[in-house]
Structures are given as C-alpha cells and as structure tokens.
PDB file of N, CA and C in Angstrom:
ATOM      1  N   MET A   1      -9.171  56.335 118.878  1.00  0.00           N
ATOM      2  CA  MET A   1     -10.223  56.133 117.912  1.00  0.00           C
ATOM      3  C   MET A   1     -10.609  54.665 117.906  1.00  0.00           C
ATOM      4  N   SER A   2     -11.867  54.413 118.104  1.00  0.00           N
ATOM      5  CA  SER A   2     -12.371  53.054 118.103  1.00  0.00           C
ATOM      6  C   SER A   2     -12.742  52.649 116.683  1.00  0.00           C
ATOM      7  N   SER A   3     -12.350  51.430 116.287  1.00  0.00           N
ATOM      8  CA  SER A   3     -12.703  50.976 114.950  1.00  0.00           C
ATOM      9  C   SER A   3     -14.121  50.416 114.911  1.00  0.00           C
ATOM     10  N   ILE A   4     -14.669  50.099 116.068  1.00  0.00           N
ATOM     11  CA  ILE A   4     -16.046  49.599 116.138  1.00  0.00           C
ATOM     12  C   ILE A   4     -16.974  50.788 116.356  1.00  0.00           C
ATOM     13  N   PRO A   5     -17.893  51.006 115.424  1.00  0.00           N
ATOM     14  CA  PRO A   5     -18.793  52.161 115.577  1.00  0.00           C
ATOM     15  C   PRO A   5     -19.699  52.027 116.798  1.00  0.00           C
ATOM     16  N   ALA A   6     -19.913  53.136 117.471  1.00  0.00           N
ATOM     17  CA  ALA A   6     -20.872  53.161 118.571  1.00  0.00           C
ATOM     18  C   ALA A   6     -22.264  53.116 117.964  1.00  0.00           C
ATOM     19  N   ARG A   7     -23.175  52.449 118.628  1.00  0.00           N
ATOM     20  CA  ARG A   7     -24.562  52.390 118.162  1.00  0.00           C
ATOM     21  C   ARG A   7     -25.384  53.204 119.151  1.00  0.00           C
ATOM     22  N   LEU A   8     -26.232  54.055 118.618  1.00  0.00           N
ATOM     23  CA  LEU A   8     -26.956  54.982 119.469  1.00  0.00           C
ATOM     24  C   LEU A   8     -28.389  55.129 118.967  1.00  0.00           C
ATOM     25  N   PRO A   9     -29.363  54.960 119.867  1.00  0.00           N
ATOM     26  CA  PRO A   9     -30.747  55.200 119.460  1.00  0.00           C
ATOM     27  C   PRO A   9     -30.913  56.663 119.032  1.00  0.00           C
ATOM     28  N   LEU A  10     -31.697  56.884 118.017  1.00  0.00           N
ATOM     29  CA  LEU A  10     -31.916  58.216 117.482  1.00  0.00           C
ATOM     30  C   LEU A  10     -32.427  59.177 118.553  1.00  0.00           C
ATOM     31  N   THR A  11     -33.269  58.704 119.448  1.00  0.00           N
ATOM     32  CA  THR A  11     -33.810  59.579 120.498  1.00  0.00           C
ATOM     33  C   THR A  11     -32.705  60.078 121.429  1.00  0.00           C
ATOM     34  N   LYS A  12     -31.749  59.185 121.776  1.00  0.00           N
ATOM     35  CA  LYS A  12     -30.625  59.602 122.627  1.00  0.00           C
ATOM     36  C   LYS A  12     -29.709  60.557 121.879  1.00  0.00           C
ATOM     37  N   ALA A  13     -29.478  60.274 120.595  1.00  0.00           N
ATOM     38  CA  ALA A  13     -28.610  61.133 119.788  1.00  0.00           C
ATOM     39  C   ALA A  13     -29.210  62.529 119.687  1.00  0.00           C
ATOM     40  N   ARG A  14     -30.517  62.605 119.534  1.00  0.00           N
ATOM     41  CA  ARG A  14     -31.186  63.909 119.415  1.00  0.00           C
ATOM     42  C   ARG A  14     -31.001  64.718 120.695  1.00  0.00           C
ATOM     43  N   ILE A  15     -31.142  64.078 121.835  1.00  0.00           N
ATOM     44  CA  ILE A  15     -30.993  64.759 123.123  1.00  0.00           C
ATOM     45  C   ILE A  15     -29.553  65.216 123.339  1.00  0.00           C
ATOM     46  N   ASN A  16     -28.599  64.401 122.897  1.00  0.00           N
ATOM     47  CA  ASN A  16     -27.174  64.671 123.131  1.00  0.00           C
ATOM     48  C   ASN A  16     -26.432  65.004 121.837  1.00  0.00           C
ATOM     49  N   LEU A  17     -27.107  65.634 120.903  1.00  0.00           N
ATOM     50  CA  LEU A  17     -26.521  65.845 119.582  1.00  0.00           C
ATOM     51  C   LEU A  17     -25.173  66.559 119.643  1.00  0.00           C
ATOM     52  N   GLY A  18     -25.063  67.620 120.419  1.00  0.00           N
ATOM     53  CA  GLY A  18     -23.807  68.362 120.517  1.00  0.00           C
ATOM     54  C   GLY A  18     -22.663  67.485 120.984  1.00  0.00           C
ATOM     55  N   ALA A  19     -22.897  66.685 121.999  1.00  0.00           N
ATOM     56  CA  ALA A  19     -21.853  65.802 122.536  1.00  0.00           C
ATOM     57  C   ALA A  19     -21.494  64.703 121.540  1.00  0.00           C
ATOM     58  N   VAL A  20     -22.490  64.178 120.849  1.00  0.00           N
ATOM     59  CA  VAL A  20     -22.239  63.122 119.865  1.00  0.00           C
ATOM     60  C   VAL A  20     -21.389  63.667 118.714  1.00  0.00           C
ATOM     61  N   VAL A  21     -21.760  64.824 118.212  1.00  0.00           N
ATOM     62  CA  VAL A  21     -21.013  65.434 117.111  1.00  0.00           C
ATOM     63  C   VAL A  21     -19.591  65.769 117.551  1.00  0.00           C
ATOM     64  N   LYS A  22     -19.435  66.235 118.758  1.00  0.00           N
ATOM     65  CA  LYS A  22     -18.094  66.554 119.279  1.00  0.00           C
ATOM     66  C   LYS A  22     -17.231  65.296 119.326  1.00  0.00           C
ATOM     67  N   ARG A  23     -17.798  64.182 119.788  1.00  0.00           N
ATOM     68  CA  ARG A  23     -17.075  62.901 119.828  1.00  0.00           C
ATOM     69  C   ARG A  23     -16.644  62.478 118.429  1.00  0.00           C
ATOM     70  N   VAL A  24     -17.574  62.587 117.498  1.00  0.00           N
ATOM     71  CA  VAL A  24     -17.292  62.192 116.121  1.00  0.00           C
ATOM     72  C   VAL A  24     -16.169  63.053 115.548  1.00  0.00           C
ATOM     73  N   HIS A  25     -16.257  64.345 115.767  1.00  0.00           N
ATOM     74  CA  HIS A  25     -15.277  65.268 115.196  1.00  0.00           C
ATOM     75  C   HIS A  25     -13.910  65.180 115.881  1.00  0.00           C
ATOM     76  N   LEU A  26     -13.888  65.284 117.188  1.00  0.00           N
ATOM     77  CA  LEU A  26     -12.615  65.334 117.902  1.00  0.00           C
ATOM     78  C   LEU A  26     -11.918  63.980 117.998  1.00  0.00           C
ATOM     79  N   ASN A  27     -12.689  62.919 118.202  1.00  0.00           N
ATOM     80  CA  ASN A  27     -12.104  61.587 118.398  1.00  0.00           C
ATOM     81  C   ASN A  27     -12.102  60.752 117.127  1.00  0.00           C
ATOM     82  N   LYS A  28     -12.628  61.326 116.046  1.00  0.00           N
ATOM     83  CA  LYS A  28     -12.713  60.617 114.766  1.00  0.00           C
ATOM     84  C   LYS A  28     -13.450  59.289 114.920  1.00  0.00           C
ATOM     85  N   GLU A  29     -14.495  59.299 115.737  1.00  0.00           N
ATOM     86  CA  GLU A  29     -15.302  58.102 115.948  1.00  0.00           C
ATOM     87  C   GLU A  29     -16.405  58.026 114.909  1.00  0.00           C
ATOM     88  N   TYR A  30     -16.953  56.825 114.755  1.00  0.00           N
ATOM     89  CA  TYR A  30     -18.126  56.608 113.926  1.00  0.00           C
ATOM     90  C   TYR A  30     -19.292  56.326 114.858  1.00  0.00           C
ATOM     91  N   VAL A  31     -20.468  56.783 114.487  1.00  0.00           N
ATOM     92  CA  VAL A  31     -21.667  56.508 115.279  1.00  0.00           C
ATOM     93  C   VAL A  31     -22.760  56.049 114.324  1.00  0.00           C
ATOM     94  N   ILE A  32     -23.379  54.930 114.652  1.00  0.00           N
ATOM     95  CA  ILE A  32     -24.519  54.436 113.890  1.00  0.00           C
ATOM     96  C   ILE A  32     -25.771  54.815 114.657  1.00  0.00           C
ATOM     97  N   LEU A  33     -26.658  55.536 113.980  1.00  0.00           N
ATOM     98  CA  LEU A  33     -27.922  55.934 114.591  1.00  0.00           C
ATOM     99  C   LEU A  33     -28.980  54.880 114.270  1.00  0.00           C
ATOM    100  N   GLU A  34     -29.725  54.501 115.303  1.00  0.00           N
ATOM    101  CA  GLU A  34     -30.728  53.450 115.148  1.00  0.00           C
ATOM    102  C   GLU A  34     -32.116  53.952 115.494  1.00  0.00           C
ATOM    103  N   LYS A  35     -33.094  53.424 114.801  1.00  0.00           N
ATOM    104  CA  LYS A  35     -34.498  53.682 115.129  1.00  0.00           C
ATOM    105  C   LYS A  35     -35.137  52.314 115.342  1.00  0.00           C
ATOM    106  N   ASP A  36     -35.644  52.104 116.544  1.00  0.00           N
ATOM    107  CA  ASP A  36     -36.220  50.812 116.921  1.00  0.00           C
ATOM    108  C   ASP A  36     -35.225  49.666 116.706  1.00  0.00           C
ATOM    109  N   GLY A  37     -33.942  49.940 116.989  1.00  0.00           N
ATOM    110  CA  GLY A  37     -32.908  48.913 116.873  1.00  0.00           C
ATOM    111  C   GLY A  37     -32.410  48.672 115.457  1.00  0.00           C
ATOM    112  N   ILE A  38     -32.935  49.413 114.494  1.00  0.00           N
ATOM    113  CA  ILE A  38     -32.537  49.239 113.096  1.00  0.00           C
ATOM    114  C   ILE A  38     -31.615  50.393 112.689  1.00  0.00           C
ATOM    115  N   PRO A  39     -30.420  50.088 112.176  1.00  0.00           N
ATOM    116  CA  PRO A  39     -29.512  51.160 111.746  1.00  0.00           C
ATOM    117  C   PRO A  39     -30.126  51.964 110.597  1.00  0.00           C
ATOM    118  N   ILE A  40     -30.126  53.296 110.743  1.00  0.00           N
ATOM    119  CA  ILE A  40     -30.717  54.132 109.692  1.00  0.00           C
ATOM    120  C   ILE A  40     -29.750  55.167 109.129  1.00  0.00           C
ATOM    121  N   ALA A  41     -28.702  55.512 109.871  1.00  0.00           N
ATOM    122  CA  ALA A  41     -27.748  56.509 109.399  1.00  0.00           C
ATOM    123  C   ALA A  41     -26.442  56.343 110.164  1.00  0.00           C
ATOM    124  N   GLY A  42     -25.398  56.929 109.602  1.00  0.00           N
ATOM    125  CA  GLY A  42     -24.102  56.896 110.255  1.00  0.00           C
ATOM    126  C   GLY A  42     -23.503  58.287 110.297  1.00  0.00           C
ATOM    127  N   LEU A  43     -22.716  58.545 111.330  1.00  0.00           N
ATOM    128  CA  LEU A  43     -22.024  59.825 111.456  1.00  0.00           C
ATOM    129  C   LEU A  43     -20.524  59.585 111.371  1.00  0.00           C
ATOM    130  N   MET A  44     -19.849  60.482 110.649  1.00  0.00           N
ATOM    131  CA  MET A  44     -18.384  60.457 110.584  1.00  0.00           C
ATOM    132  C   MET A  44     -17.896  61.888 110.470  1.00  0.00           C
ATOM    133  N   ASP A  45     -16.629  62.099 110.756  1.00  0.00           N
ATOM    134  CA  ASP A  45     -16.034  63.423 110.678  1.00  0.00           C
ATOM    135  C   ASP A  45     -16.096  63.944 109.242  1.00  0.00           C
ATOM    136  N   ILE A  46     -16.269  65.242 109.075  1.00  0.00           N
ATOM    137  CA  ILE A  46     -16.446  65.845 107.761  1.00  0.00           C
ATOM    138  C   ILE A  46     -15.240  65.643 106.864  1.00  0.00           C
ATOM    139  N   ASP A  47     -14.020  65.674 107.394  1.00  0.00           N
ATOM    140  CA  ASP A  47     -12.836  65.473 106.553  1.00  0.00           C
ATOM    141  C   ASP A  47     -12.859  64.094 105.898  1.00  0.00           C
ATOM    142  N   GLU A  48     -13.200  63.107 106.673  1.00  0.00           N
ATOM    143  CA  GLU A  48     -13.268  61.748 106.137  1.00  0.00           C
ATOM    144  C   GLU A  48     -14.428  61.617 105.151  1.00  0.00           C
ATOM    145  N   PHE A  49     -15.536  62.263 105.456  1.00  0.00           N
ATOM    146  CA  PHE A  49     -16.692  62.212 104.560  1.00  0.00           C
ATOM    147  C   PHE A  49     -16.363  62.853 103.212  1.00  0.00           C
ATOM    148  N   GLU A  50     -15.670  63.997 103.237  1.00  0.00           N
ATOM    149  CA  GLU A  50     -15.285  64.656 101.987  1.00  0.00           C
ATOM    150  C   GLU A  50     -14.325  63.779 101.186  1.00  0.00           C
ATOM    151  N   SER A  51     -13.414  63.101 101.867  1.00  0.00           N
ATOM    152  CA  SER A  51     -12.509  62.181 101.183  1.00  0.00           C
ATOM    153  C   SER A  51     -13.290  61.032 100.556  1.00  0.00           C
ATOM    154  N   TYR A  52     -14.271  60.537 101.287  1.00  0.00           N
ATOM    155  CA  TYR A  52     -15.120  59.462 100.771  1.00  0.00           C
ATOM    156  C   TYR A  52     -15.851  59.921  99.506  1.00  0.00           C
ATOM    157  N   LEU A  53     -16.444  61.110  99.559  1.00  0.00           N
ATOM    158  CA  LEU A  53     -17.158  61.622  98.385  1.00  0.00           C
ATOM    159  C   LEU A  53     -16.217  61.812  97.209  1.00  0.00           C
ATOM    160  N   GLU A  54     -15.035  62.342  97.474  1.00  0.00           N
ATOM    161  CA  GLU A  54     -14.055  62.553  96.415  1.00  0.00           C
ATOM    162  C   GLU A  54     -13.649  61.227  95.777  1.00  0.00           C
ATOM    163  N   SER A  55     -13.501  60.194  96.593  1.00  0.00           N
ATOM    164  CA  SER A  55     -13.084  58.893  96.070  1.00  0.00           C
ATOM    165  C   SER A  55     -14.132  58.271  95.162  1.00  0.00           C
ATOM    166  N   ARG A  56     -15.363  58.726  95.250  1.00  0.00           N
ATOM    167  CA  ARG A  56     -16.441  58.206  94.404  1.00  0.00           C
ATOM    168  C   ARG A  56     -16.585  58.997  93.104  1.00  0.00           C
ATOM    169  N   ASP A  57     -15.882  60.112  92.978  1.00  0.00           N
ATOM    170  CA  ASP A  57     -15.938  60.939  91.782  1.00  0.00           C
ATOM    171  C   ASP A  57     -15.243  60.194  90.631  1.00  0.00           C
ATOM    172  N   PRO A  58     -15.921  60.016  89.499  1.00  0.00           N
ATOM    173  CA  PRO A  58     -15.323  59.275  88.383  1.00  0.00           C
ATOM    174  C   PRO A  58     -14.007  59.883  87.886  1.00  0.00           C
ATOM    175  N   HIS A  59     -13.888  61.205  87.904  1.00  0.00           N
ATOM    176  CA  HIS A  59     -12.650  61.853  87.467  1.00  0.00           C
ATOM    177  C   HIS A  59     -11.496  61.509  88.414  1.00  0.00           C
ATOM    178  N   VAL A  60     -11.774  61.508  89.706  1.00  0.00           N
ATOM    179  CA  VAL A  60     -10.743  61.172  90.695  1.00  0.00           C
ATOM    180  C   VAL A  60     -10.359  59.705  90.557  1.00  0.00           C
ATOM    181  N   ARG A  61     -11.347  58.830  90.372  1.00  0.00           N
ATOM    182  CA  ARG A  61     -11.056  57.399  90.215  1.00  0.00           C
ATOM    183  C   ARG A  61     -10.185  57.152  88.984  1.00  0.00           C
ATOM    184  N   ARG A  62     -10.490  57.866  87.902  1.00  0.00           N
ATOM    185  CA  ARG A  62      -9.709  57.728  86.674  1.00  0.00           C
ATOM    186  C   ARG A  62      -8.265  58.197  86.915  1.00  0.00           C
ATOM    187  N   ALA A  63      -8.107  59.316  87.616  1.00  0.00           N
ATOM    188  CA  ALA A  63      -6.769  59.841  87.906  1.00  0.00           C
ATOM    189  C   ALA A  63      -5.976  58.862  88.774  1.00  0.00           C
ATOM    190  N   ILE A  64      -6.635  58.255  89.737  1.00  0.00           N
ATOM    191  CA  ILE A  64      -5.966  57.268  90.602  1.00  0.00           C
ATOM    192  C   ILE A  64      -5.523  56.062  89.787  1.00  0.00           C
ATOM    193  N   THR A  65      -6.399  55.597  88.891  1.00  0.00           N
ATOM    194  CA  THR A  65      -6.067  54.455  88.043  1.00  0.00           C
ATOM    195  C   THR A  65      -4.865  54.775  87.162  1.00  0.00           C
ATOM    196  N   GLU A  66      -4.864  55.959  86.548  1.00  0.00           N
ATOM    197  CA  GLU A  66      -3.743  56.374  85.705  1.00  0.00           C
ATOM    198  C   GLU A  66      -2.456  56.496  86.520  1.00  0.00           C
ATOM    199  N   SER A  67      -2.571  57.041  87.719  1.00  0.00           N
ATOM    200  CA  SER A  67      -1.411  57.185  88.594  1.00  0.00           C
ATOM    201  C   SER A  67      -0.837  55.815  88.957  1.00  0.00           C
ATOM    202  N   ASN A  68      -1.704  54.873  89.263  1.00  0.00           N
ATOM    203  CA  ASN A  68      -1.243  53.517  89.598  1.00  0.00           C
ATOM    204  C   ASN A  68      -0.540  52.871  88.410  1.00  0.00           C
ATOM    205  N   ARG A  69      -1.048  53.122  87.193  1.00  0.00           N
ATOM    206  CA  ARG A  69      -0.383  52.601  85.985  1.00  0.00           C
ATOM    207  C   ARG A  69       1.016  53.226  85.833  1.00  0.00           C
ATOM    208  N   ASP A  70       1.110  54.542  86.073  1.00  0.00           N
ATOM    209  CA  ASP A  70       2.401  55.214  85.982  1.00  0.00           C
ATOM    210  C   ASP A  70       3.394  54.631  86.978  1.00  0.00           C
ATOM    211  N   ILE A  71       2.934  54.384  88.184  1.00  0.00           N
ATOM    212  CA  ILE A  71       3.805  53.804  89.212  1.00  0.00           C
ATOM    213  C   ILE A  71       4.257  52.413  88.795  1.00  0.00           C
ATOM    214  N   ALA A  72       3.310  51.597  88.327  1.00  0.00           N
ATOM    215  CA  ALA A  72       3.637  50.224  87.931  1.00  0.00           C
ATOM    216  C   ALA A  72       4.621  50.181  86.767  1.00  0.00           C
ATOM    217  N   SER A  73       4.541  51.161  85.869  1.00  0.00           N
ATOM    218  CA  SER A  73       5.421  51.158  84.698  1.00  0.00           C
ATOM    219  C   SER A  73       6.734  51.904  84.945  1.00  0.00           C
ATOM    220  N   GLY A  74       6.892  52.489  86.134  1.00  0.00           N
ATOM    221  CA  GLY A  74       8.138  53.176  86.463  1.00  0.00           C
ATOM    222  C   GLY A  74       8.230  54.594  85.922  1.00  0.00           C
ATOM    223  N   ARG A  75       7.086  55.179  85.553  1.00  0.00           N
ATOM    224  CA  ARG A  75       7.098  56.549  85.008  1.00  0.00           C
ATOM    225  C   ARG A  75       6.959  57.593  86.114  1.00  0.00           C
ATOM    226  N   THR A  76       7.455  57.300  87.269  1.00  0.00           N
ATOM    227  CA  THR A  76       7.364  58.253  88.387  1.00  0.00           C
ATOM    228  C   THR A  76       8.747  58.444  88.992  1.00  0.00           C
ATOM    229  N   ARG A  77       8.847  59.464  89.835  1.00  0.00           N
ATOM    230  CA  ARG A  77      10.072  59.675  90.592  1.00  0.00           C
ATOM    231  C   ARG A  77       9.679  60.084  92.003  1.00  0.00           C
ATOM    232  N   SER A  78      10.598  59.913  92.909  1.00  0.00           N
ATOM    233  CA  SER A  78      10.313  60.228  94.310  1.00  0.00           C
ATOM    234  C   SER A  78      10.170  61.737  94.489  1.00  0.00           C
ATOM    235  N   ALA A  79       9.518  62.123  95.561  1.00  0.00           N
ATOM    236  CA  ALA A  79       9.363  63.548  95.869  1.00  0.00           C
ATOM    237  C   ALA A  79      10.724  64.192  96.079  1.00  0.00           C
ATOM    238  N   GLU A  80      11.642  63.471  96.707  1.00  0.00           N
ATOM    239  CA  GLU A  80      12.986  64.005  96.947  1.00  0.00           C
ATOM    240  C   GLU A  80      13.688  64.311  95.627  1.00  0.00           C
ATOM    241  N   LYS A  81      13.571  63.383  94.677  1.00  0.00           N
ATOM    242  CA  LYS A  81      14.206  63.578  93.373  1.00  0.00           C
ATOM    243  C   LYS A  81      13.558  64.758  92.637  1.00  0.00           C
ATOM    244  N   PHE A  82      12.254  64.838  92.694  1.00  0.00           N
ATOM    245  CA  PHE A  82      11.527  65.926  92.042  1.00  0.00           C
ATOM    246  C   PHE A  82      11.933  67.280  92.631  1.00  0.00           C
ATOM    247  N   LEU A  83      11.998  67.372  93.954  1.00  0.00           N
ATOM    248  CA  LEU A  83      12.400  68.623  94.602  1.00  0.00           C
ATOM    249  C   LEU A  83      13.836  69.003  94.251  1.00  0.00           C
ATOM    250  N   ALA A  84      14.699  68.011  94.166  1.00  0.00           N
ATOM    251  CA  ALA A  84      16.097  68.283  93.788  1.00  0.00           C
ATOM    252  C   ALA A  84      16.154  68.850  92.368  1.00  0.00           C
ATOM    253  N   GLU A  85      15.328  68.302  91.479  1.00  0.00           N
ATOM    254  CA  GLU A  85      15.276  68.808  90.102  1.00  0.00           C
ATOM    255  C   GLU A  85      14.788  70.251  90.074  1.00  0.00           C
ATOM    256  N   ILE A  86      13.789  70.556  90.866  1.00  0.00           N
ATOM    257  CA  ILE A  86      13.258  71.924  90.925  1.00  0.00           C
ATOM    258  C   ILE A  86      14.325  72.875  91.457  1.00  0.00           C
ATOM    259  N   ARG A  87      15.007  72.470  92.507  1.00  0.00           N
ATOM    260  CA  ARG A  87      16.068  73.319  93.073  1.00  0.00           C
ATOM    261  C   ARG A  87      17.179  73.560  92.053  1.00  0.00           C
ATOM    262  N   GLU A  88      17.568  72.507  91.355  1.00  0.00           N
ATOM    263  CA  GLU A  88      18.626  72.625  90.349  1.00  0.00           C
ATOM    264  C   GLU A  88      18.185  73.567  89.231  1.00  0.00           C
ATOM    265  N   HIS A  89      16.961  73.428  88.782  1.00  0.00           N
ATOM    266  CA  HIS A  89      16.441  74.302  87.725  1.00  0.00           C
ATOM    267  C   HIS A  89      16.426  75.757  88.201  1.00  0.00           C
ATOM    268  N   GLY A  90      15.974  75.986  89.422  1.00  0.00           N
ATOM    269  CA  GLY A  90      15.939  77.333  89.986  1.00  0.00           C
ATOM    270  C   GLY A  90      17.334  77.917  90.101  1.00  0.00           C
ATOM    271  N   SER A  91      18.292  77.092  90.471  1.00  0.00           N
ATOM    272  CA  SER A  91      19.674  77.537  90.613  1.00  0.00           C
ATOM    273  C   SER A  91      20.235  77.956  89.254  1.00  0.00           C
ATOM    274  N   ARG A  92      19.961  77.170  88.220  1.00  0.00           N
ATOM    275  CA  ARG A  92      20.442  77.505  86.872  1.00  0.00           C
ATOM    276  C   ARG A  92      19.784  78.790  86.370  1.00  0.00           C
ATOM    277  N   THR A  93      18.507  78.965  86.655  1.00  0.00           N
ATOM    278  CA  THR A  93      17.787  80.162  86.219  1.00  0.00           C
ATOM    279  C   THR A  93      18.365  81.406  86.877  1.00  0.00           C
ATOM    280  N   ARG A  94      18.662  81.326  88.180  1.00  0.00           N
ATOM    281  CA  ARG A  94      19.241  82.473  88.892  1.00  0.00           C
ATOM    282  C   ARG A  94      20.624  82.813  88.338  1.00  0.00           C
ATOM    283  N   LYS A  95      21.413  81.793  88.008  1.00  0.00           N
ATOM    284  CA  LYS A  95      22.763  82.037  87.461  1.00  0.00           C
ATOM    285  C   LYS A  95      22.661  82.752  86.111  1.00  0.00           C
ATOM    286  N   ARG A  96      21.697  82.331  85.262  1.00  0.00           N
ATOM    287  CA  ARG A  96      21.527  82.973  83.963  1.00  0.00           C
ATOM    288  C   ARG A  96      21.100  84.428  84.123  1.00  0.00           C
ATOM    289  N   ARG A  97      20.248  84.695  85.077  1.00  0.00           N
ATOM    290  CA  ARG A  97      19.796  86.071  85.312  1.00  0.00           C
ATOM    291  C   ARG A  97      20.953  86.953  85.743  1.00  0.00           C
ATOM    292  N   LYS A  98      21.828  86.414  86.586  1.00  0.00           N
ATOM    293  CA  LYS A  98      22.970  87.198  87.080  1.00  0.00           C
ATOM    294  C   LYS A  98      23.937  87.511  85.936  1.00  0.00           C
ATOM    295  N   GLN A  99      24.076  86.559  85.011  1.00  0.00           N
ATOM    296  CA  GLN A  99      25.002  86.750  83.883  1.00  0.00           C
ATOM    297  C   GLN A  99      24.459  87.760  82.879  1.00  0.00           C
ATOM    298  N   ALA A 100      23.165  87.903  82.806  1.00  0.00           N
ATOM    299  CA  ALA A 100      22.562  88.781  81.807  1.00  0.00           C
ATOM    300  C   ALA A 100      22.699  90.239  82.135  1.00  0.00           C
TER     301      ALA A 100
END
C-alpha cells in the first residue's frame, strides 16, 4: 500500500474505471482524480470510507471521548481480565444449576 495517492486524470480513470477501483479495493490505495490538473475527487476503499464517516458522527465522537476519559481515570480493565470474569461468572452459574 502506497501512502502517496496516485493522481489520475478523470478521462483516464473513466476509461479504466474497473482497474482503478480494483486497485483501490484490493491494494487499499488512494487515487486522486483530476480534471485539467486540478484535484476534484478522491477514491478510497469502502471499509476505510465507512470508518471515516463513522468517526465524524457526533455520537461516536462523544463515545470515544468518554472512553478516553475512562481509560485516563483507570475505570477500565483489560480484555483478558474481562474474559476471565465472564468465565468465572459462567462457571459459578453452572455450579448453581447443578446443585439445584
């Protein structure tokens, strides 16, 4: 994956649209489309585009901010610790069911 976007005249992109889209999707490349040498649009893979759109959602931004505050204040635990707690809870629940 190249970090420098390819620049492509719109006329060439139109002729080779399938190949350009395949490059963008499979290689996770960026392509800047130009008209008369002026950038007018950019292409990126849909997964990255959806992530970009999600990151602009005010609800998601608020959740990220709250999550960062929780991390900074120590109100979090590792995934390993959380999974261990779930397993322990499940184990206790199964033991109670067997006793009943």
